[in-house]
Amino acid sequence: MVRLSRGLVNLSSAIWRLRIETVRTHTALWKQPPDGFEWLALCLRFANTADWHAGPHPTESLKTYQDLVAWGTNGGLIPRRETARLMRRVSSQPARAREALSRAVAAREVIYRIMADLAHGRAPAGRDLSALNRALASALRRSRLVSNAARPRGAGRFAWEIIGRIDDFDRVLWPVLKSAADLLTSPELRRVKQCADDRGCGFLFLDRSKNLSRRWCSMKSCGNRAKVLGYYRRRG
């Protein structure tokens, strides 16, 4: 937790000394899609970048900053034309890239714990909410509301736009944090579930079933295993 807070403070101080560029990139990084699910699930997809997250030995997918950039690029959070520029900065400042990776992983763990607690009807720890608020405050300083002239009425008239350096090391994290805040304040929060596998799969998802009956990350993996085990237990 301390590392997350201290890192964000250091980053803020460093960016203050830089010339801030205003860039117009994907408004989709911030704007909620029509059905809301894909945007709200962004923070859950990020939380799931460690496999077997609820077990004693999670498998880390974000081992390097390059892994983080690849995740963001493949998910549409970083326009591919900007990836090369960001990677050039990584090559020239590897230590700062490693610090940004540590901040991202720390934020991921905070989001994961909060969502897992809520999935099981538990109140999130106060220290986790405080850490998320600190990280979110940093992310929101890099955004602004803009008018969408193409939609003069109703929902979608305004959108969030990123403000900041295209090659900022933390840019992948900003939309993830905004997604977490949107999900936590959305009626869809009740749909947050954690895979019920007893081995520690821990996969987080939004249950889109009408009666909120989904229990597994997938019926092809954990769900099928539970089904087979249940069958043999009933027979035995």
C-alpha atoms as a PDB file:
ATOM      1  CA  MET A   1       0.000   0.000   0.000  1.00  0.00           C
ATOM      2  CA  VAL A   2       2.789   2.396   0.951  1.00  0.00           C
ATOM      3  CA  ARG A   3       4.549   1.725  -2.310  1.00  0.00           C
ATOM      4  CA  LEU A   4       1.437   2.596  -4.289  1.00  0.00           C
ATOM      5  CA  SER A   5       0.913   5.876  -2.424  1.00  0.00           C
ATOM      6  CA  ARG A   6       4.556   6.961  -2.450  1.00  0.00           C
ATOM      7  CA  GLY A   7       4.970   6.046  -6.119  1.00  0.00           C
ATOM      8  CA  LEU A   8       2.006   8.137  -7.163  1.00  0.00           C
ATOM      9  CA  VAL A   9       3.299  11.123  -5.203  1.00  0.00           C
ATOM     10  CA  ASN A  10       6.735  10.807  -6.818  1.00  0.00           C
ATOM     11  CA  LEU A  11       5.165  10.476 -10.254  1.00  0.00           C
ATOM     12  CA  SER A  12       3.011  13.545  -9.705  1.00  0.00           C
ATOM     13  CA  SER A  13       6.062  15.588  -8.699  1.00  0.00           C
ATOM     14  CA  ALA A  14       8.007  14.391 -11.726  1.00  0.00           C
ATOM     15  CA  ILE A  15       5.203  15.183 -14.158  1.00  0.00           C
ATOM     16  CA  TRP A  16       4.842  18.661 -12.645  1.00  0.00           C
ATOM     17  CA  ARG A  17       8.330  19.441 -13.927  1.00  0.00           C
ATOM     18  CA  LEU A  18       7.489  18.278 -17.430  1.00  0.00           C
ATOM     19  CA  ARG A  19       5.756  20.214 -20.149  1.00  0.00           C
ATOM     20  CA  ILE A  20       2.276  18.744 -20.195  1.00  0.00           C
ATOM     21  CA  GLU A  21       0.992  17.942 -23.655  1.00  0.00           C
ATOM     22  CA  THR A  22      -2.710  17.950 -24.355  1.00  0.00           C
ATOM     23  CA  VAL A  23      -3.503  15.004 -26.571  1.00  0.00           C
ATOM     24  CA  ARG A  24      -6.724  13.856 -28.138  1.00  0.00           C
ATOM     25  CA  THR A  25      -6.673  10.060 -28.123  1.00  0.00           C
ATOM     26  CA  HIS A  26      -9.361   7.381 -27.870  1.00  0.00           C
ATOM     27  CA  THR A  27     -12.287   8.872 -25.972  1.00  0.00           C
ATOM     28  CA  ALA A  28     -13.278   5.220 -25.693  1.00  0.00           C
ATOM     29  CA  LEU A  29     -10.598   4.928 -23.047  1.00  0.00           C
ATOM     30  CA  TRP A  30     -12.975   6.764 -20.762  1.00  0.00           C
ATOM     31  CA  LYS A  31     -16.423   6.804 -22.321  1.00  0.00           C
ATOM     32  CA  GLN A  32     -18.770   4.043 -21.270  1.00  0.00           C
ATOM     33  CA  PRO A  33     -20.061   1.894 -24.189  1.00  0.00           C
ATOM     34  CA  PRO A  34     -23.839   1.705 -24.756  1.00  0.00           C
ATOM     35  CA  ASP A  35     -24.413  -1.395 -22.627  1.00  0.00           C
ATOM     36  CA  GLY A  36     -21.788  -0.433 -20.068  1.00  0.00           C
ATOM     37  CA  PHE A  37     -20.495  -3.951 -19.527  1.00  0.00           C
ATOM     38  CA  GLU A  38     -17.274  -3.801 -21.520  1.00  0.00           C
ATOM     39  CA  TRP A  39     -16.177  -0.554 -19.913  1.00  0.00           C
ATOM     40  CA  LEU A  40     -17.115  -1.642 -16.399  1.00  0.00           C
ATOM     41  CA  ALA A  41     -15.364  -4.991 -16.870  1.00  0.00           C
ATOM     42  CA  LEU A  42     -12.074  -3.310 -17.819  1.00  0.00           C
ATOM     43  CA  CYS A  43     -10.921  -3.130 -14.205  1.00  0.00           C
ATOM     44  CA  LEU A  44     -11.833  -6.799 -13.717  1.00  0.00           C
ATOM     45  CA  ARG A  45      -9.830  -7.820 -16.775  1.00  0.00           C
ATOM     46  CA  PHE A  46      -6.869  -5.996 -15.307  1.00  0.00           C
ATOM     47  CA  ALA A  47      -7.406  -7.630 -11.910  1.00  0.00           C
ATOM     48  CA  ASN A  48      -7.300 -10.991 -13.669  1.00  0.00           C
ATOM     49  CA  THR A  49      -3.805 -10.481 -15.079  1.00  0.00           C
ATOM     50  CA  ALA A  50      -2.611 -12.840 -12.343  1.00  0.00           C
ATOM     51  CA  ASP A  51      -3.847 -16.420 -12.761  1.00  0.00           C
ATOM     52  CA  TRP A  52      -5.028 -18.481  -9.779  1.00  0.00           C
ATOM     53  CA  HIS A  53      -5.297 -15.202  -7.959  1.00  0.00           C
ATOM     54  CA  ALA A  54      -7.130 -16.609  -4.941  1.00  0.00           C
ATOM     55  CA  GLY A  55      -4.638 -19.416  -4.416  1.00  0.00           C
ATOM     56  CA  PRO A  56      -1.412 -19.445  -2.406  1.00  0.00           C
ATOM     57  CA  HIS A  57       0.799 -19.099  -5.485  1.00  0.00           C
ATOM     58  CA  PRO A  58      -0.707 -16.821  -8.158  1.00  0.00           C
ATOM     59  CA  THR A  59       0.910 -16.861 -11.596  1.00  0.00           C
ATOM     60  CA  GLU A  60       2.030 -13.375 -12.602  1.00  0.00           C
ATOM     61  CA  SER A  61       1.373 -12.235 -16.166  1.00  0.00           C
ATOM     62  CA  LEU A  62       2.840  -8.721 -15.795  1.00  0.00           C
ATOM     63  CA  LYS A  63       6.471  -9.645 -15.239  1.00  0.00           C
ATOM     64  CA  THR A  64       7.913  -6.661 -17.099  1.00  0.00           C
ATOM     65  CA  TYR A  65       6.739  -3.205 -18.070  1.00  0.00           C
ATOM     66  CA  GLN A  66       6.689  -4.443 -21.646  1.00  0.00           C
ATOM     67  CA  ASP A  67       4.039  -6.967 -20.579  1.00  0.00           C
ATOM     68  CA  LEU A  68       1.948  -4.110 -19.197  1.00  0.00           C
ATOM     69  CA  VAL A  69       2.270  -2.152 -22.448  1.00  0.00           C
ATOM     70  CA  ALA A  70       1.338  -5.234 -24.472  1.00  0.00           C
ATOM     71  CA  TRP A  71      -1.767  -5.745 -22.324  1.00  0.00           C
ATOM     72  CA  GLY A  72      -2.789  -2.123 -22.767  1.00  0.00           C
ATOM     73  CA  THR A  73      -2.131  -2.125 -26.497  1.00  0.00           C
ATOM     74  CA  ASN A  74      -4.014  -5.365 -27.123  1.00  0.00           C
ATOM     75  CA  GLY A  75      -6.915  -4.034 -25.073  1.00  0.00           C
ATOM     76  CA  GLY A  76      -7.114  -0.786 -27.028  1.00  0.00           C
ATOM     77  CA  LEU A  77      -5.921   1.389 -24.138  1.00  0.00           C
ATOM     78  CA  ILE A  78      -2.833   2.535 -26.024  1.00  0.00           C
ATOM     79  CA  PRO A  79      -3.194   3.356 -29.727  1.00  0.00           C
ATOM     80  CA  ARG A  80      -0.709   1.155 -31.573  1.00  0.00           C
ATOM     81  CA  ARG A  81       0.835   4.172 -33.266  1.00  0.00           C
ATOM     82  CA  GLU A  82       1.877   5.439 -29.821  1.00  0.00           C
ATOM     83  CA  THR A  83       3.294   2.164 -28.496  1.00  0.00           C
ATOM     84  CA  ALA A  84       6.670   2.629 -30.182  1.00  0.00           C
ATOM     85  CA  ARG A  85       7.087   6.078 -28.625  1.00  0.00           C
ATOM     86  CA  LEU A  86       6.312   4.716 -25.176  1.00  0.00           C
ATOM     87  CA  MET A  87       8.715   1.807 -25.627  1.00  0.00           C
ATOM     88  CA  ARG A  88      11.520   4.167 -26.670  1.00  0.00           C
ATOM     89  CA  ARG A  89      11.075   5.960 -23.365  1.00  0.00           C
ATOM     90  CA  VAL A  90      11.202   2.609 -21.564  1.00  0.00           C
ATOM     91  CA  SER A  91      14.563   1.886 -23.184  1.00  0.00           C
ATOM     92  CA  SER A  92      15.987   5.207 -22.033  1.00  0.00           C
ATOM     93  CA  GLN A  93      14.487   5.126 -18.514  1.00  0.00           C
ATOM     94  CA  PRO A  94      14.244   1.468 -17.412  1.00  0.00           C
ATOM     95  CA  ALA A  95      14.195   2.295 -13.693  1.00  0.00           C
ATOM     96  CA  ARG A  96      11.120   4.524 -14.049  1.00  0.00           C
ATOM     97  CA  ALA A  97       9.446   1.837 -16.122  1.00  0.00           C
ATOM     98  CA  ARG A  98      10.009  -0.693 -13.341  1.00  0.00           C
ATOM     99  CA  GLU A  99       8.579   1.748 -10.789  1.00  0.00           C
ATOM    100  CA  ALA A 100       5.491   2.221 -12.966  1.00  0.00           C
ATOM    101  CA  LEU A 101       5.067  -1.546 -13.214  1.00  0.00           C
ATOM    102  CA  SER A 102       5.231  -1.805  -9.419  1.00  0.00           C
ATOM    103  CA  ARG A 103       2.548   0.875  -9.103  1.00  0.00           C
ATOM    104  CA  ALA A 104       0.349  -0.910 -11.620  1.00  0.00           C
ATOM    105  CA  VAL A 105       0.678  -4.277  -9.876  1.00  0.00           C
ATOM    106  CA  ALA A 106       0.014  -2.680  -6.482  1.00  0.00           C
ATOM    107  CA  ALA A 107      -3.109  -0.965  -7.850  1.00  0.00           C
ATOM    108  CA  ARG A 108      -4.210  -4.231  -9.415  1.00  0.00           C
ATOM    109  CA  GLU A 109      -3.993  -6.005  -6.073  1.00  0.00           C
ATOM    110  CA  VAL A 110      -6.028  -3.255  -4.405  1.00  0.00           C
ATOM    111  CA  ILE A 111      -8.737  -3.512  -7.063  1.00  0.00           C
ATOM    112  CA  TYR A 112      -8.716  -7.299  -6.833  1.00  0.00           C
ATOM    113  CA  ARG A 113      -9.132  -7.345  -3.069  1.00  0.00           C
ATOM    114  CA  ILE A 114     -11.940  -4.783  -3.150  1.00  0.00           C
ATOM    115  CA  MET A 115     -13.873  -6.613  -5.868  1.00  0.00           C
ATOM    116  CA  ALA A 116     -13.328 -10.038  -4.289  1.00  0.00           C
ATOM    117  CA  ASP A 117     -14.591  -8.750  -0.946  1.00  0.00           C
ATOM    118  CA  LEU A 118     -17.701  -7.309  -2.569  1.00  0.00           C
ATOM    119  CA  ALA A 119     -18.301 -10.504  -4.554  1.00  0.00           C
ATOM    120  CA  HIS A 120     -18.561 -12.348  -1.237  1.00  0.00           C
ATOM    121  CA  GLY A 121     -20.673  -9.737   0.511  1.00  0.00           C
ATOM    122  CA  ARG A 122     -17.825  -8.384   2.614  1.00  0.00           C
ATOM    123  CA  ALA A 123     -17.017  -4.731   3.190  1.00  0.00           C
ATOM    124  CA  PRO A 124     -13.690  -3.808   1.557  1.00  0.00           C
ATOM    125  CA  ALA A 125     -10.834  -2.904   3.871  1.00  0.00           C
ATOM    126  CA  GLY A 126     -10.552   0.800   4.595  1.00  0.00           C
ATOM    127  CA  ARG A 127      -6.881   0.826   3.634  1.00  0.00           C
ATOM    128  CA  ASP A 128      -7.742  -0.587   0.200  1.00  0.00           C
ATOM    129  CA  LEU A 129     -10.384   2.072  -0.444  1.00  0.00           C
ATOM    130  CA  SER A 130      -7.926   4.758   0.660  1.00  0.00           C
ATOM    131  CA  ALA A 131      -5.259   3.417  -1.688  1.00  0.00           C
ATOM    132  CA  LEU A 132      -7.729   3.295  -4.574  1.00  0.00           C
ATOM    133  CA  ASN A 133      -8.828   6.872  -3.886  1.00  0.00           C
ATOM    134  CA  ARG A 134      -5.230   8.096  -3.934  1.00  0.00           C
ATOM    135  CA  ALA A 135      -4.522   6.345  -7.214  1.00  0.00           C
ATOM    136  CA  LEU A 136      -7.803   7.520  -8.729  1.00  0.00           C
ATOM    137  CA  ALA A 137      -7.117  11.129  -7.780  1.00  0.00           C
ATOM    138  CA  SER A 138      -3.861  10.953  -9.715  1.00  0.00           C
ATOM    139  CA  ALA A 139      -5.630   9.466 -12.737  1.00  0.00           C
ATOM    140  CA  LEU A 140      -8.425  12.045 -12.758  1.00  0.00           C
ATOM    141  CA  ARG A 141      -5.884  14.864 -12.802  1.00  0.00           C
ATOM    142  CA  ARG A 142      -4.993  13.589 -16.263  1.00  0.00           C
ATOM    143  CA  SER A 143      -8.524  13.858 -17.638  1.00  0.00           C
ATOM    144  CA  ARG A 144     -11.184  16.402 -18.445  1.00  0.00           C
ATOM    145  CA  LEU A 145     -14.803  16.541 -19.604  1.00  0.00           C
ATOM    146  CA  VAL A 146     -15.328  17.503 -23.244  1.00  0.00           C
ATOM    147  CA  SER A 147     -18.509  18.142 -25.207  1.00  0.00           C
ATOM    148  CA  ASN A 148     -19.473  15.638 -27.873  1.00  0.00           C
ATOM    149  CA  ALA A 149     -20.944  17.851 -30.586  1.00  0.00           C
ATOM    150  CA  ALA A 150     -22.100  14.846 -32.586  1.00  0.00           C
ATOM    151  CA  ARG A 151     -24.580  13.935 -29.829  1.00  0.00           C
ATOM    152  CA  PRO A 152     -26.279  17.202 -28.792  1.00  0.00           C
ATOM    153  CA  ARG A 153     -28.865  15.542 -26.547  1.00  0.00           C
ATOM    154  CA  GLY A 154     -29.105  12.914 -23.861  1.00  0.00           C
ATOM    155  CA  ALA A 155     -26.536  10.327 -22.803  1.00  0.00           C
ATOM    156  CA  GLY A 156     -23.195  10.587 -24.507  1.00  0.00           C
ATOM    157  CA  ARG A 157     -23.281  14.347 -24.869  1.00  0.00           C
ATOM    158  CA  PHE A 158     -20.097  14.592 -22.809  1.00  0.00           C
ATOM    159  CA  ALA A 159     -17.089  12.312 -22.621  1.00  0.00           C
ATOM    160  CA  TRP A 160     -13.884  11.974 -20.664  1.00  0.00           C
ATOM    161  CA  GLU A 161     -10.683  12.822 -22.489  1.00  0.00           C
ATOM    162  CA  ILE A 162      -7.136  12.051 -21.408  1.00  0.00           C
ATOM    163  CA  ILE A 163      -4.813  14.986 -20.827  1.00  0.00           C
ATOM    164  CA  GLY A 164      -1.126  14.311 -20.400  1.00  0.00           C
ATOM    165  CA  ARG A 165       1.918  12.941 -22.095  1.00  0.00           C
ATOM    166  CA  ILE A 166       1.363  10.215 -24.645  1.00  0.00           C
ATOM    167  CA  ASP A 167       4.433   8.418 -23.316  1.00  0.00           C
ATOM    168  CA  ASP A 168       3.592   8.702 -19.614  1.00  0.00           C
ATOM    169  CA  PHE A 169       4.535   5.436 -17.943  1.00  0.00           C
ATOM    170  CA  ASP A 170       1.244   5.274 -16.015  1.00  0.00           C
ATOM    171  CA  ARG A 171      -1.110   5.887 -18.918  1.00  0.00           C
ATOM    172  CA  VAL A 172      -2.265   2.247 -19.036  1.00  0.00           C
ATOM    173  CA  LEU A 173      -3.416   2.482 -15.430  1.00  0.00           C
ATOM    174  CA  TRP A 174      -5.591   5.618 -15.731  1.00  0.00           C
ATOM    175  CA  PRO A 175      -8.556   4.104 -17.604  1.00  0.00           C
ATOM    176  CA  VAL A 176      -8.404   1.009 -15.388  1.00  0.00           C
ATOM    177  CA  LEU A 177      -8.784   3.139 -12.272  1.00  0.00           C
ATOM    178  CA  LYS A 178     -11.634   5.135 -13.827  1.00  0.00           C
ATOM    179  CA  SER A 179     -13.351   1.861 -14.736  1.00  0.00           C
ATOM    180  CA  ALA A 180     -13.035   0.642 -11.140  1.00  0.00           C
ATOM    181  CA  ALA A 181     -14.605   3.864  -9.842  1.00  0.00           C
ATOM    182  CA  ASP A 182     -17.445   3.601 -12.362  1.00  0.00           C
ATOM    183  CA  LEU A 183     -18.136  -0.017 -11.450  1.00  0.00           C
ATOM    184  CA  LEU A 184     -18.101   0.695  -7.725  1.00  0.00           C
ATOM    185  CA  THR A 185     -20.707   3.431  -8.211  1.00  0.00           C
ATOM    186  CA  SER A 186     -22.807   1.490 -10.715  1.00  0.00           C
ATOM    187  CA  PRO A 187     -25.919  -0.652 -10.124  1.00  0.00           C
ATOM    188  CA  GLU A 188     -23.977  -3.386 -11.953  1.00  0.00           C
ATOM    189  CA  LEU A 189     -21.746  -3.811  -8.915  1.00  0.00           C
ATOM    190  CA  ARG A 190     -24.141  -6.524  -7.744  1.00  0.00           C
ATOM    191  CA  ARG A 191     -23.055  -8.571 -10.749  1.00  0.00           C
ATOM    192  CA  VAL A 192     -19.420  -8.838  -9.642  1.00  0.00           C
ATOM    193  CA  LYS A 193     -18.600 -12.472  -8.956  1.00  0.00           C
ATOM    194  CA  GLN A 194     -15.533 -14.561  -8.213  1.00  0.00           C
ATOM    195  CA  CYS A 195     -15.061 -18.041  -9.647  1.00  0.00           C
ATOM    196  CA  ALA A 196     -16.217 -20.596  -7.053  1.00  0.00           C
ATOM    197  CA  ASP A 197     -13.455 -23.083  -7.909  1.00  0.00           C
ATOM    198  CA  ASP A 198     -12.020 -24.527  -4.678  1.00  0.00           C
ATOM    199  CA  ARG A 199      -8.439 -24.589  -5.947  1.00  0.00           C
ATOM    200  CA  GLY A 200      -8.068 -20.805  -5.950  1.00  0.00           C
ATOM    201  CA  CYS A 201      -8.882 -19.811  -9.538  1.00  0.00           C
ATOM    202  CA  GLY A 202     -10.241 -16.522  -8.199  1.00  0.00           C
ATOM    203  CA  PHE A 203     -11.253 -15.174 -11.623  1.00  0.00           C
ATOM    204  CA  LEU A 204     -13.441 -12.057 -11.340  1.00  0.00           C
ATOM    205  CA  PHE A 205     -16.285 -11.442 -13.758  1.00  0.00           C
ATOM    206  CA  LEU A 206     -19.576  -9.629 -14.288  1.00  0.00           C
ATOM    207  CA  ASP A 207     -22.445 -12.087 -14.088  1.00  0.00           C
ATOM    208  CA  ARG A 208     -24.668 -11.202 -17.044  1.00  0.00           C
ATOM    209  CA  SER A 209     -27.204 -13.960 -16.430  1.00  0.00           C
ATOM    210  CA  LYS A 210     -30.751 -12.786 -15.735  1.00  0.00           C
ATOM    211  CA  ASN A 211     -30.986 -14.556 -12.372  1.00  0.00           C
ATOM    212  CA  LEU A 212     -27.353 -13.923 -11.339  1.00  0.00           C
ATOM    213  CA  SER A 213     -26.679 -17.657 -11.208  1.00  0.00           C
ATOM    214  CA  ARG A 214     -23.242 -17.851 -12.812  1.00  0.00           C
ATOM    215  CA  ARG A 215     -20.621 -19.343 -10.481  1.00  0.00           C
ATOM    216  CA  TRP A 216     -17.629 -20.222 -12.621  1.00  0.00           C
ATOM    217  CA  CYS A 217     -15.099 -18.427 -14.790  1.00  0.00           C
ATOM    218  CA  SER A 218     -16.070 -20.857 -17.552  1.00  0.00           C
ATOM    219  CA  MET A 219     -18.117 -24.034 -17.807  1.00  0.00           C
ATOM    220  CA  LYS A 220     -15.363 -25.438 -20.029  1.00  0.00           C
ATOM    221  CA  SER A 221     -12.806 -25.349 -17.223  1.00  0.00           C
ATOM    222  CA  CYS A 222     -13.627 -24.787 -13.570  1.00  0.00           C
ATOM    223  CA  GLY A 223     -17.350 -25.278 -14.068  1.00  0.00           C
ATOM    224  CA  ASN A 224     -16.881 -28.599 -15.859  1.00  0.00           C
ATOM    225  CA  ARG A 225     -14.512 -29.835 -13.154  1.00  0.00           C
ATOM    226  CA  ALA A 226     -17.034 -28.958 -10.435  1.00  0.00           C
ATOM    227  CA  LYS A 227     -19.787 -30.685 -12.394  1.00  0.00           C
ATOM    228  CA  VAL A 228     -17.750 -33.893 -12.744  1.00  0.00           C
ATOM    229  CA  LEU A 229     -16.737 -33.855  -9.062  1.00  0.00           C
ATOM    230  CA  GLY A 230     -20.335 -33.334  -8.023  1.00  0.00           C
ATOM    231  CA  TYR A 231     -21.419 -36.280 -10.141  1.00  0.00           C
ATOM    232  CA  TYR A 232     -18.884 -38.653  -8.557  1.00  0.00           C
ATOM    233  CA  ARG A 233     -19.674 -37.429  -5.059  1.00  0.00           C
ATOM    234  CA  ARG A 234     -23.356 -38.109  -5.559  1.00  0.00           C
ATOM    235  CA  ARG A 235     -22.575 -41.604  -6.827  1.00  0.00           C
ATOM    236  CA  GLY A 236     -20.052 -42.341  -4.094  1.00  0.00           C
END
